[in-house]
Amino acid sequence: MKLQVVENPIVVFEKGIYRPEPTRFWILEPELKAAVSKLESEGYIKKISEEITKDEELFNFMVSLHEKEVKKREEILKREFPQIYYGKGKWDIVCKKVLLNKDIGIGGIRNFRAKPFKVRCLHLWTAYHLGDEEFKNPIGEFVLSKI
C-alpha cells in the first residue's frame, strides 16, 4: 500500500474569490483512505479522543501541534500569498480570519484547547503525520500500525 499524501495550498482562488483552506494535507491513495475509514467505523475516533482527553501530557502535545499549525499557516500565507497577508480586501480579510485565527487548528478544528479533545478524523491526523516531519503524531502512528 502506498502512503501518499498531497499538500494543498492554504488559499484557493476559485470563481473570482480567494477561499481559505485550513487543511494542508490529504491522503491520495484510495487503499489507504479505505483502511483508515475502516478504523473510523470501528469506533477509534471516540476511543482516541477519550485517551487524549485523559492523558494531560498527550493532550498538551496535541494542542501544541494545533498551535504549531496556526504559526505555520501564517508563515505560508506571508511567504506564498503576500497579497492576501497584507491585503485589505473583503476576501483577504476572510482568508486571514480563518487561517490566522488562533482558535482554528489543524484541519479547521475549532476550540482545540478545550476538553474533550476532538480528533474529528483519523485521515486528517494520518495525512499530517505522513506529510510533514514537524507534525508526526501518535494518532498517525497508531493508524499506520493498525493497517
Protein backbone atom coordinates (compact mmCIF):
# COMPACT_ATOMS: atom_id res chain seq x y z
CA MET A 1 0.00 0.00 0.00
CA LYS A 2 1.31 3.44 -0.91
CA LEU A 3 1.45 6.05 1.82
CA GLN A 4 0.92 9.01 -0.48
CA VAL A 5 -0.36 12.40 0.64
CA VAL A 6 -0.54 15.79 -1.01
CA GLU A 7 -0.03 19.24 0.47
CA ASN A 8 -2.69 21.64 -0.78
CA PRO A 9 -2.32 25.41 -0.89
CA ILE A 10 -3.89 27.14 2.10
CA VAL A 11 -5.66 29.57 -0.20
CA VAL A 12 -7.57 28.60 -3.32
CA PHE A 13 -8.60 31.12 -5.97
CA GLU A 14 -11.93 29.94 -7.32
CA LYS A 15 -14.72 31.70 -9.20
CA GLY A 16 -13.09 35.07 -8.70
CA ILE A 17 -12.65 34.81 -4.92
CA TYR A 18 -9.97 33.63 -2.51
CA ARG A 19 -11.10 30.78 -0.27
CA PRO A 20 -9.15 29.70 2.84
CA GLU A 21 -8.23 26.01 3.15
CA PRO A 22 -7.11 25.24 6.70
CA THR A 23 -6.38 21.57 5.89
CA ARG A 24 -2.95 21.32 4.28
CA PHE A 25 -2.51 17.56 3.88
CA TRP A 26 -4.77 14.98 2.26
CA ILE A 27 -4.40 11.24 1.70
CA LEU A 28 -4.33 10.39 -2.01
CA GLU A 29 -4.11 6.61 -2.04
CA PRO A 30 -7.62 5.04 -2.22
CA GLU A 31 -6.48 1.88 -0.43
CA LEU A 32 -5.07 3.89 2.48
CA LYS A 33 -8.21 6.04 2.65
CA ALA A 34 -10.36 2.89 2.81
CA ALA A 35 -8.20 1.33 5.54
CA VAL A 36 -8.43 4.49 7.65
CA SER A 37 -12.19 4.67 7.10
CA LYS A 38 -12.49 1.11 8.38
CA LEU A 39 -10.73 2.09 11.61
CA GLU A 40 -13.09 5.06 11.96
CA SER A 41 -16.08 2.75 11.52
CA GLU A 42 -14.70 0.58 14.34
CA GLY A 43 -15.01 3.49 16.79
CA TYR A 44 -11.39 4.56 17.04
CA ILE A 45 -12.15 8.27 16.79
CA LYS A 46 -14.06 8.12 20.06
CA LYS A 47 -11.50 5.84 21.75
CA ILE A 48 -8.55 8.01 20.79
CA SER A 49 -10.37 11.23 21.71
CA GLU A 50 -11.08 9.81 25.18
CA GLU A 51 -7.48 8.65 25.63
CA ILE A 52 -6.05 12.04 24.66
CA THR A 53 -8.53 13.85 26.91
CA LYS A 54 -7.50 11.72 29.93
CA ASP A 55 -3.73 11.96 29.39
CA GLU A 56 -2.65 15.52 30.21
CA GLU A 57 0.79 15.20 28.61
CA LEU A 58 -0.68 13.76 25.41
CA PHE A 59 -3.44 16.37 25.39
CA ASN A 60 -0.87 19.18 25.70
CA PHE A 61 1.24 17.68 22.91
CA MET A 62 -1.75 17.50 20.55
CA VAL A 63 -2.74 21.08 21.42
CA SER A 64 0.84 22.15 20.67
CA LEU A 65 0.52 20.62 17.17
CA HIS A 66 -2.58 22.73 16.54
CA GLU A 67 -0.73 25.83 17.73
CA LYS A 68 2.24 24.95 15.51
CA GLU A 69 -0.14 24.69 12.54
CA VAL A 70 -1.53 28.18 13.18
CA LYS A 71 2.04 29.56 13.13
CA LYS A 72 2.89 27.52 10.04
CA ARG A 73 -0.16 28.86 8.18
CA GLU A 74 0.91 32.42 8.98
CA GLU A 75 4.41 31.71 7.61
CA ILE A 76 2.94 30.17 4.46
CA LEU A 77 0.42 32.97 3.97
CA LYS A 78 3.12 35.62 4.34
CA ARG A 79 5.55 33.80 2.03
CA GLU A 80 3.24 32.37 -0.66
CA PHE A 81 0.27 34.75 -0.56
CA PRO A 82 1.66 38.16 0.47
CA GLN A 83 -1.12 39.92 -1.45
CA ILE A 84 -3.62 38.30 0.93
CA TYR A 85 -1.49 38.58 4.07
CA TYR A 86 -1.04 42.33 3.60
CA GLY A 87 -4.28 42.90 1.69
CA LYS A 88 -7.31 44.80 2.98
CA GLY A 89 -9.92 43.48 0.55
CA LYS A 90 -13.01 41.52 1.56
CA TRP A 91 -11.59 38.11 0.55
CA ASP A 92 -8.18 38.89 2.04
CA ILE A 93 -9.90 39.52 5.36
CA VAL A 94 -12.00 36.34 5.06
CA CYS A 95 -8.87 34.25 4.44
CA LYS A 96 -6.98 35.84 7.34
CA LYS A 97 -9.97 35.44 9.65
CA VAL A 98 -9.85 31.67 9.14
CA LEU A 99 -6.16 30.98 8.57
CA LEU A 100 -4.73 33.27 11.26
CA ASN A 101 -7.37 32.60 13.90
CA LYS A 102 -5.52 31.20 16.92
CA ASP A 103 -8.56 29.07 17.82
CA ILE A 104 -8.73 27.23 14.48
CA GLY A 105 -6.18 24.45 14.36
CA ILE A 106 -5.28 21.55 12.12
CA GLY A 107 -7.99 20.80 9.60
CA GLY A 108 -10.08 23.74 10.74
CA ILE A 109 -10.76 22.19 14.17
CA ARG A 110 -12.11 24.93 16.41
CA ASN A 111 -11.56 25.36 20.14
CA PHE A 112 -8.84 22.73 20.12
CA ARG A 113 -7.64 23.74 23.60
CA ALA A 114 -10.91 22.63 25.18
CA LYS A 115 -11.65 19.20 26.56
CA PRO A 116 -12.81 16.76 25.47
CA PHE A 117 -10.19 16.61 22.74
CA LYS A 118 -11.73 16.47 19.26
CA VAL A 119 -9.97 14.03 16.95
CA ARG A 120 -12.67 14.51 14.30
CA CYS A 121 -10.98 12.41 11.61
CA LEU A 122 -8.22 9.80 11.53
CA HIS A 123 -7.49 10.63 7.89
CA LEU A 124 -6.55 14.17 8.88
CA TRP A 125 -4.06 13.19 11.56
CA THR A 126 -2.58 10.43 9.41
CA ALA A 127 -2.12 12.81 6.47
CA TYR A 128 -0.33 15.34 8.70
CA HIS A 129 1.79 12.55 10.19
CA LEU A 130 2.90 11.49 6.72
CA GLY A 131 3.03 14.96 5.18
CA ASP A 132 5.34 16.92 7.46
CA GLU A 133 8.06 15.72 9.87
CA GLU A 134 7.10 18.54 12.24
CA PHE A 135 3.62 17.04 12.60
CA LYS A 136 4.47 13.44 13.46
CA ASN A 137 1.79 12.42 15.93
CA PRO A 138 0.60 9.41 17.91
CA ILE A 139 -2.73 9.22 16.06
CA GLY A 140 -0.95 8.85 12.72
CA GLU A 141 1.46 6.33 14.28
CA PHE A 142 -1.44 4.32 15.67
CA VAL A 143 -3.33 4.31 12.38
CA LEU A 144 -0.27 3.19 10.42
CA SER A 145 0.40 0.42 12.95
CA LYS A 146 -3.15 -0.92 12.50
CA ILE A 147 -3.25 -1.03 8.69
